[in-house]
Amino acid sequence: MFYFRKINPANTLSGYITLFLLGYPAFVFSDSSFWSLPVPLQGAIPEAYNSPALDRQPEKCAACHPHIYQQWHTSLHARAVGPGLLGQLPAFDDDTKKDCLNCHAPRTEQQQLLKNNNNAHVNGIDCSACHVRQHVRYGPKNQELTPHGQVKQLAMFQKSEFCAPCHQFGDDGILVNGKLLENTYQEWEASRYAQEGIQCQNCHMHGTHNFKGIYDRAMTRKGLGVTITRTKKAIHLEVVNIGAGHALPTYITPRIRLRIQSIDGKKQIEHIIQRRMHWSIKDGWQELSDTRLLPGQTARISLPLLPENSALAEVIVEPDADYYERVYPFLIDQLAEELDSHAVNKLKLARDCSAQSIYVLYSYECPAATQTCVKNNP
């Protein structure tokens, strides 16, 4: 994620970009020995374990865990080192790069490869990032006999705290209108989901390694209940956070757009669900609005229409709205002279890819005299 970093602005452009984009690695995990970032070097493979199964690349894990590998391979975790990150790194100093990579490529071995401009074998948040420390394997279950020795059980693999080091800024992070820029864990902690023992893993993994979120249409439908109703005088669109244990959407990056438009195009109403932010050198961060839905919260819009008129009601999800509208255009414009053409092309590719993440969650034409057009709200 790209957030404000609490440092003094430098007089150089790269210093300004650093100030503008980055945030603290934040949450201090209760078992800091496990989530010490970056993950320390594994060191030489112990002679007793000298086996191809101990290779740290996820392709080696696939030999025995093909289904898990395929799930992970299609996830955003696997693509955490993408063109947007790689296009920016050349403009940053070493400390800033480390801030980024501690979550995007958390293993020291990965960071060393990237420092040497070798990103061919850097797989983002890979198997070893979560499961391997000093060649010892850890997971949610204890297993005695495996090709790589014992797998040690750690209960924290099934707790939300496990996700917090990269999904929650710490107490010393920047507060804007009393809220951290990245606050997902604390949003969950304050919700009924935490009280009921429903962890991040229950929804975002659900027995898999897909790590699905707002980029996935089916996942978003589980989180956002939608009801579209036609009365004699209007069409009503109501959405409610029925399944996300945090603000929906979390972070400042995504946007959900509610829209009702008459078929003749003469009438339209729209409502944005997003934490809209602005940043300037003079004033720093400012929150323009925060219309996100906390668990159980509802948003509604209505479009007055004559009984014989129909309209199109839509819910549109833009997972990367802040990136393609603000972040990448700014970077391409401001860094063009500092970066070589290869890095700038990566940023342009990232901009184009982020614009392609938009999808329509629901689109329904409500004809005249219809009562309930759509109801996805258990």
Protein backbone atom coordinates (compact mmCIF):
# COMPACT_ATOMS: atom_id res chain seq x y z
CA MET A 1 0.00 0.00 0.00
CA PHE A 2 1.13 3.57 -0.61
CA TYR A 3 0.72 5.89 2.32
CA PHE A 4 2.15 8.91 4.05
CA ARG A 5 5.41 8.34 5.90
CA LYS A 6 6.12 10.44 8.98
CA ILE A 7 9.45 11.98 7.97
CA ASN A 8 10.61 15.46 7.11
CA PRO A 9 10.31 16.23 3.40
CA ALA A 10 13.55 16.34 1.50
CA ASN A 11 14.33 19.00 -1.06
CA THR A 12 14.68 16.40 -3.79
CA LEU A 13 11.84 14.98 -5.81
CA SER A 14 12.51 11.44 -4.58
CA GLY A 15 12.29 12.72 -1.01
CA TYR A 16 8.96 14.32 -1.80
CA ILE A 17 7.65 11.11 -3.34
CA THR A 18 8.81 9.19 -0.29
CA LEU A 19 6.90 11.56 1.96
CA PHE A 20 3.82 11.38 -0.22
CA LEU A 21 3.42 7.65 -0.64
CA LEU A 22 4.65 5.51 2.16
CA GLY A 23 3.58 4.42 5.59
CA TYR A 24 4.99 2.69 8.60
CA PRO A 25 5.24 -1.04 8.90
CA ALA A 26 3.00 -0.99 11.81
CA PHE A 27 1.46 -3.56 14.00
CA VAL A 28 3.70 -5.17 16.62
CA PHE A 29 2.78 -8.84 16.66
CA SER A 30 2.42 -10.51 20.02
CA ASP A 31 5.06 -13.05 18.99
CA SER A 32 7.63 -10.63 17.60
CA SER A 33 10.17 -13.44 17.22
CA PHE A 34 8.06 -14.91 14.41
CA TRP A 35 7.05 -11.71 12.64
CA SER A 36 10.35 -9.88 12.75
CA LEU A 37 10.46 -8.05 9.44
CA PRO A 38 12.20 -8.62 7.20
CA VAL A 39 12.13 -12.35 7.88
CA PRO A 40 15.77 -13.16 8.76
CA LEU A 41 17.99 -15.21 6.48
CA GLN A 42 17.27 -18.89 6.74
CA GLY A 43 20.97 -19.74 6.59
CA ALA A 44 22.54 -22.92 5.22
CA ILE A 45 20.32 -25.98 5.01
CA PRO A 46 21.19 -28.30 7.91
CA GLU A 47 23.02 -31.39 6.69
CA ALA A 48 20.39 -33.68 8.20
CA TYR A 49 17.72 -31.90 6.14
CA ASN A 50 19.72 -31.60 2.91
CA SER A 51 16.84 -32.37 0.59
CA PRO A 52 15.34 -30.76 -2.53
CA ALA A 53 12.14 -30.43 -0.49
CA LEU A 54 13.85 -27.72 1.52
CA ASP A 55 14.27 -25.36 -1.43
CA ARG A 56 12.55 -22.10 -0.50
CA GLN A 57 10.93 -21.42 -3.88
CA PRO A 58 7.16 -22.05 -3.94
CA GLU A 59 7.50 -24.21 -7.06
CA LYS A 60 9.26 -26.77 -4.87
CA CYS A 61 6.37 -26.70 -2.40
CA ALA A 62 4.03 -27.45 -5.32
CA ALA A 63 5.50 -30.94 -5.71
CA CYS A 64 3.64 -32.08 -2.58
CA HIS A 65 1.06 -29.30 -2.28
CA PRO A 66 -0.16 -28.74 -5.86
CA HIS A 67 -3.67 -27.53 -4.96
CA ILE A 68 -2.42 -25.08 -2.35
CA TYR A 69 0.21 -23.84 -4.79
CA GLN A 70 -2.38 -23.22 -7.52
CA GLN A 71 -4.59 -21.31 -5.09
CA TRP A 72 -1.70 -19.16 -3.92
CA HIS A 73 -0.38 -18.66 -7.46
CA THR A 74 -3.58 -16.86 -8.50
CA SER A 75 -3.69 -14.69 -5.36
CA LEU A 76 -2.63 -11.09 -4.82
CA HIS A 77 -0.05 -12.35 -2.32
CA ALA A 78 1.78 -14.09 -5.16
CA ARG A 79 1.74 -10.85 -7.18
CA ALA A 80 2.84 -8.54 -4.37
CA VAL A 81 6.03 -7.75 -6.29
CA GLY A 82 4.45 -6.30 -9.42
CA PRO A 83 5.18 -3.53 -11.92
CA GLY A 84 3.80 -0.81 -9.64
CA LEU A 85 6.26 -1.67 -6.88
CA LEU A 86 9.21 -2.38 -9.18
CA GLY A 87 8.66 0.87 -11.08
CA GLN A 88 8.94 2.94 -7.89
CA LEU A 89 11.84 1.24 -6.11
CA PRO A 90 14.60 2.91 -8.17
CA ALA A 91 13.43 6.33 -6.90
CA PHE A 92 13.66 5.40 -3.21
CA ASP A 93 16.53 5.30 -0.74
CA ASP A 94 17.42 2.02 1.00
CA ASP A 95 15.33 2.66 4.12
CA THR A 96 12.25 3.48 2.08
CA LYS A 97 12.71 0.41 -0.10
CA LYS A 98 12.90 -1.71 3.03
CA ASP A 99 9.65 -0.19 4.31
CA CYS A 100 7.91 -1.30 1.11
CA LEU A 101 9.51 -4.70 0.81
CA ASN A 102 8.96 -5.78 4.40
CA CYS A 103 5.39 -6.53 3.41
CA HIS A 104 5.61 -6.99 -0.37
CA ALA A 105 8.68 -9.27 -0.31
CA PRO A 106 9.19 -10.00 3.39
CA ARG A 107 12.07 -12.50 3.25
CA THR A 108 15.62 -11.16 3.47
CA GLU A 109 16.66 -13.45 0.61
CA GLN A 110 14.04 -11.80 -1.61
CA GLN A 111 15.17 -8.32 -0.67
CA GLN A 112 18.78 -9.18 -1.47
CA LEU A 113 17.75 -10.38 -4.92
CA LEU A 114 15.82 -7.19 -5.58
CA LYS A 115 18.72 -5.08 -4.37
CA ASN A 116 20.81 -6.75 -7.07
CA ASN A 117 18.08 -6.06 -9.67
CA ASN A 118 17.21 -9.75 -9.87
CA ASN A 119 13.45 -10.06 -9.58
CA ALA A 120 12.99 -13.18 -11.71
CA HIS A 121 12.58 -15.42 -8.66
CA VAL A 122 10.87 -13.04 -6.25
CA ASN A 123 7.35 -14.26 -5.66
CA GLY A 124 5.95 -11.67 -3.31
CA ILE A 125 4.44 -13.12 -0.14
CA ASP A 126 5.37 -16.74 -0.75
CA CYS A 127 5.11 -19.99 1.20
CA SER A 128 8.33 -19.48 3.13
CA ALA A 129 7.35 -15.97 4.20
CA CYS A 130 4.61 -17.39 6.40
CA HIS A 131 5.67 -20.98 7.05
CA VAL A 132 9.47 -21.21 7.35
CA ARG A 133 11.87 -19.89 9.96
CA GLN A 134 15.47 -21.18 10.10
CA HIS A 135 14.42 -24.17 7.99
CA VAL A 136 11.77 -25.16 10.50
CA ARG A 137 8.26 -25.48 9.07
CA TYR A 138 5.29 -24.00 10.94
CA GLY A 139 1.57 -24.28 10.32
CA PRO A 140 -1.88 -24.60 11.88
CA LYS A 141 -1.45 -28.34 12.46
CA ASN A 142 1.37 -30.45 13.87
CA GLN A 143 2.81 -33.05 11.47
CA GLU A 144 5.62 -35.38 12.45
CA LEU A 145 6.68 -37.12 9.25
CA THR A 146 7.16 -34.96 6.17
CA PRO A 147 9.93 -34.67 3.54
CA HIS A 148 11.16 -31.56 5.35
CA GLY A 149 10.97 -32.84 8.90
CA GLN A 150 8.41 -31.89 11.52
CA VAL A 151 5.83 -29.20 10.91
CA LYS A 152 5.32 -27.37 14.19
CA GLN A 153 1.85 -26.25 15.12
CA LEU A 154 1.33 -22.59 16.02
CA ALA A 155 -2.15 -21.51 17.06
CA MET A 156 -1.54 -17.99 15.73
CA PHE A 157 -1.91 -19.28 12.14
CA GLN A 158 -5.64 -19.29 12.79
CA LYS A 159 -5.82 -15.88 14.47
CA SER A 160 -6.31 -12.44 12.96
CA GLU A 161 -3.15 -11.23 14.68
CA PHE A 162 -1.17 -13.26 12.15
CA CYS A 163 -2.32 -10.94 9.34
CA ALA A 164 -1.93 -7.70 11.27
CA PRO A 165 1.79 -6.95 10.71
CA CYS A 166 1.04 -6.04 7.08
CA HIS A 167 -2.60 -4.98 7.43
CA GLN A 168 -2.51 -2.57 10.37
CA PHE A 169 -0.52 0.56 11.05
CA GLY A 170 0.84 0.97 14.56
CA ASP A 171 0.03 3.49 17.25
CA ASP A 172 2.73 5.83 15.93
CA GLY A 173 1.19 5.92 12.45
CA ILE A 174 -0.42 8.97 10.93
CA LEU A 175 -3.92 9.73 12.22
CA VAL A 176 -6.28 11.57 9.88
CA ASN A 177 -9.57 12.59 11.43
CA GLY A 178 -8.73 10.26 14.30
CA LYS A 179 -8.23 7.19 12.08
CA LEU A 180 -5.11 5.43 10.86
CA LEU A 181 -4.67 5.20 7.11
CA GLU A 182 -4.42 1.42 7.37
CA ASN A 183 -6.63 0.23 10.18
CA THR A 184 -8.11 -3.12 9.17
CA TYR A 185 -7.14 -5.13 12.23
CA GLN A 186 -8.50 -2.54 14.66
CA GLU A 187 -11.71 -2.23 12.64
CA TRP A 188 -12.13 -6.00 13.00
CA GLU A 189 -11.16 -5.91 16.68
CA ALA A 190 -13.98 -3.44 17.38
CA SER A 191 -16.58 -5.49 15.48
CA ARG A 192 -18.90 -8.28 16.52
CA TYR A 193 -16.79 -10.64 14.44
CA ALA A 194 -13.94 -10.40 16.91
CA GLN A 195 -16.33 -10.94 19.81
CA GLU A 196 -17.73 -14.03 18.09
CA GLY A 197 -14.26 -15.41 17.32
CA ILE A 198 -14.56 -15.01 13.53
CA GLN A 199 -10.99 -14.46 12.33
CA CYS A 200 -9.61 -12.95 9.10
CA GLN A 201 -8.75 -16.48 7.95
CA ASN A 202 -12.38 -17.64 8.24
CA CYS A 203 -13.43 -15.31 5.43
CA HIS A 204 -10.31 -14.59 3.37
CA MET A 205 -8.90 -18.12 3.33
CA HIS A 206 -11.85 -20.37 4.22
CA GLY A 207 -9.68 -23.47 4.02
CA THR A 208 -7.81 -22.28 0.93
CA HIS A 209 -4.81 -20.09 0.06
CA ASN A 210 -6.70 -17.80 -2.33
CA PHE A 211 -6.69 -14.82 0.05
CA LYS A 212 -9.74 -13.39 -1.72
CA GLY A 213 -10.95 -9.87 -1.07
CA ILE A 214 -12.59 -6.95 -2.85
CA TYR A 215 -10.95 -7.85 -6.19
CA ASP A 216 -13.13 -10.97 -6.31
CA ARG A 217 -16.78 -10.50 -7.32
CA ALA A 218 -18.11 -13.52 -5.42
CA MET A 219 -16.25 -12.48 -2.27
CA THR A 220 -17.63 -8.95 -2.45
CA ARG A 221 -21.15 -10.28 -2.87
CA LYS A 222 -20.73 -12.19 0.38
CA GLY A 223 -19.74 -8.97 2.10
CA LEU A 224 -22.22 -6.52 0.57
CA GLY A 225 -25.94 -7.20 0.73
CA VAL A 226 -27.89 -5.46 -2.04
CA THR A 227 -31.61 -4.75 -2.34
CA ILE A 228 -33.15 -2.94 -5.32
CA THR A 229 -36.84 -2.07 -4.99
CA ARG A 230 -39.33 -0.34 -7.29
CA THR A 231 -42.26 1.62 -5.90
CA LYS A 232 -44.82 3.70 -7.76
CA LYS A 233 -42.80 6.87 -7.23
CA ALA A 234 -39.15 5.78 -7.18
CA ILE A 235 -36.47 3.13 -7.44
CA HIS A 236 -34.52 2.43 -4.25
CA LEU A 237 -31.05 0.90 -4.00
CA GLU A 238 -29.87 -0.21 -0.56
CA VAL A 239 -26.58 -1.87 0.37
CA VAL A 240 -25.46 -3.14 3.77
CA ASN A 241 -22.19 -4.57 5.07
CA ILE A 242 -23.44 -8.05 5.90
CA GLY A 243 -20.20 -10.01 5.78
CA ALA A 244 -17.04 -7.91 6.12
CA GLY A 245 -15.60 -7.75 9.62
CA HIS A 246 -14.05 -4.35 8.91
CA ALA A 247 -14.94 -1.16 7.05
CA LEU A 248 -16.12 -1.97 3.54
CA PRO A 249 -14.00 -1.16 1.68
CA THR A 250 -11.02 -1.03 4.01
CA TYR A 251 -8.02 1.20 3.16
CA ILE A 252 -8.23 4.36 1.05
CA THR A 253 -7.61 2.57 -2.25
CA PRO A 254 -10.94 0.97 -3.31
CA ARG A 255 -14.25 2.58 -4.17
CA ILE A 256 -17.79 1.22 -4.46
CA ARG A 257 -20.16 3.23 -6.63
CA LEU A 258 -23.96 3.06 -6.30
CA ARG A 259 -25.86 4.39 -9.28
CA ILE A 260 -29.45 4.60 -10.51
CA GLN A 261 -30.07 6.04 -13.98
CA SER A 262 -33.31 6.35 -15.89
CA ILE A 263 -33.33 4.45 -19.16
CA ASP A 264 -33.83 7.67 -21.13
CA GLY A 265 -30.68 9.07 -19.49
CA LYS A 266 -32.40 12.19 -18.17
CA LYS A 267 -32.20 11.36 -14.46
CA GLN A 268 -29.37 9.92 -12.39
CA ILE A 269 -28.26 9.65 -8.79
CA GLU A 270 -24.97 8.30 -7.53
CA HIS A 271 -23.40 7.61 -4.14
CA ILE A 272 -19.72 6.83 -3.50
CA ILE A 273 -18.60 4.46 -0.74
CA GLN A 274 -14.96 5.30 -0.08
CA ARG A 275 -12.57 7.02 2.26
CA ARG A 276 -11.65 9.98 0.05
CA MET A 277 -8.33 11.58 0.89
CA HIS A 278 -6.27 14.53 -0.28
CA TRP A 279 -2.59 15.23 0.30
CA SER A 280 -0.62 18.44 -0.16
CA ILE A 281 2.82 19.68 0.84
CA LYS A 282 1.25 22.50 2.86
CA ASP A 283 -1.46 20.63 4.75
CA GLY A 284 -0.43 16.96 4.55
CA TRP A 285 -3.28 14.46 4.60
CA GLN A 286 -6.89 15.61 4.72
CA GLU A 287 -9.96 13.39 4.82
CA LEU A 288 -12.50 14.72 2.35
CA SER A 289 -15.15 12.18 3.32
CA ASP A 290 -15.53 8.70 4.75
CA THR A 291 -18.67 6.90 3.59
CA ARG A 292 -17.37 3.37 4.10
CA LEU A 293 -19.67 0.87 5.77
CA LEU A 294 -18.69 -0.58 9.11
CA PRO A 295 -20.14 -4.03 9.89
CA GLY A 296 -23.92 -3.80 9.80
CA GLN A 297 -24.05 -0.27 8.38
CA THR A 298 -26.30 0.64 5.44
CA ALA A 299 -26.25 3.09 2.52
CA ARG A 300 -29.32 4.00 0.46
CA ILE A 301 -30.12 6.04 -2.63
CA SER A 302 -33.44 6.65 -4.38
CA LEU A 303 -34.33 8.03 -7.80
CA PRO A 304 -37.85 9.53 -8.20
CA LEU A 305 -39.57 8.22 -11.34
CA LEU A 306 -43.04 8.14 -12.86
CA PRO A 307 -44.75 4.74 -12.53
CA GLU A 308 -44.39 3.99 -16.26
CA ASN A 309 -40.64 4.77 -16.38
CA SER A 310 -37.85 2.26 -15.82
CA ALA A 311 -34.25 2.67 -14.70
CA LEU A 312 -30.94 0.86 -14.44
CA ALA A 313 -29.59 0.26 -10.93
CA GLU A 314 -25.92 -0.67 -10.60
CA VAL A 315 -23.31 -1.42 -7.98
CA ILE A 316 -19.81 -0.92 -9.43
CA VAL A 317 -16.62 -1.92 -7.61
CA GLU A 318 -13.29 -0.17 -8.31
CA PRO A 319 -10.65 -1.99 -6.21
CA ASP A 320 -7.78 0.23 -7.42
CA ALA A 321 -9.53 3.59 -7.74
CA ASP A 322 -6.92 5.61 -5.83
CA TYR A 323 -4.07 4.05 -7.78
CA TYR A 324 -5.27 4.73 -11.33
CA GLU A 325 -6.74 8.14 -10.51
CA ARG A 326 -4.09 9.62 -8.20
CA VAL A 327 -1.03 7.54 -7.36
CA TYR A 328 0.19 6.22 -10.71
CA PRO A 329 -0.54 9.36 -12.77
CA PHE A 330 1.31 11.40 -10.15
CA LEU A 331 4.29 9.04 -10.18
CA ILE A 332 4.50 8.90 -13.96
CA ASP A 333 4.37 12.69 -14.18
CA GLN A 334 6.77 13.47 -11.34
CA LEU A 335 9.29 10.63 -11.70
CA ALA A 336 9.68 10.58 -15.46
CA GLU A 337 12.96 12.50 -15.31
CA GLU A 338 14.37 10.57 -12.34
CA LEU A 339 13.70 7.06 -13.62
CA ASP A 340 14.87 5.25 -16.72
CA SER A 341 12.34 4.34 -19.38
CA HIS A 342 12.14 0.75 -18.13
CA ALA A 343 10.89 1.85 -14.70
CA VAL A 344 8.47 4.39 -16.16
CA ASN A 345 7.03 1.72 -18.46
CA LYS A 346 6.43 -0.47 -15.43
CA LEU A 347 4.47 2.35 -13.79
CA LYS A 348 2.41 2.83 -16.95
CA LEU A 349 1.70 -0.90 -17.04
CA ALA A 350 0.62 -0.78 -13.38
CA ARG A 351 -1.67 2.18 -14.14
CA ASP A 352 -3.32 0.32 -17.01
CA CYS A 353 -3.70 -2.89 -15.00
CA SER A 354 -5.24 -1.06 -12.05
CA ALA A 355 -7.86 0.50 -14.33
CA GLN A 356 -8.81 -2.98 -15.54
CA SER A 357 -9.72 -4.20 -12.06
CA ILE A 358 -13.13 -2.46 -12.19
CA TYR A 359 -16.16 -4.75 -12.29
CA VAL A 360 -19.95 -4.50 -12.05
CA LEU A 361 -21.19 -6.27 -8.94
CA TYR A 362 -24.87 -5.89 -9.84
CA SER A 363 -26.66 -4.36 -12.82
CA TYR A 364 -30.43 -4.61 -13.08
CA GLU A 365 -33.05 -2.83 -15.09
CA CYS A 366 -36.09 -2.15 -12.93
CA PRO A 367 -39.13 -1.98 -15.19
CA ALA A 368 -42.32 -0.16 -14.30
CA ALA A 369 -44.63 -1.74 -11.71
CA THR A 370 -41.92 -4.07 -10.33
CA GLN A 371 -41.70 -4.41 -6.58
CA THR A 372 -38.45 -6.10 -5.52
CA CYS A 373 -36.01 -6.31 -8.44
CA VAL A 374 -32.99 -7.76 -6.64
CA LYS A 375 -32.51 -8.96 -3.10
CA ASN A 376 -29.15 -10.32 -1.97
CA ASN A 377 -29.49 -9.54 1.70
CA PRO A 378 -29.97 -12.59 3.97
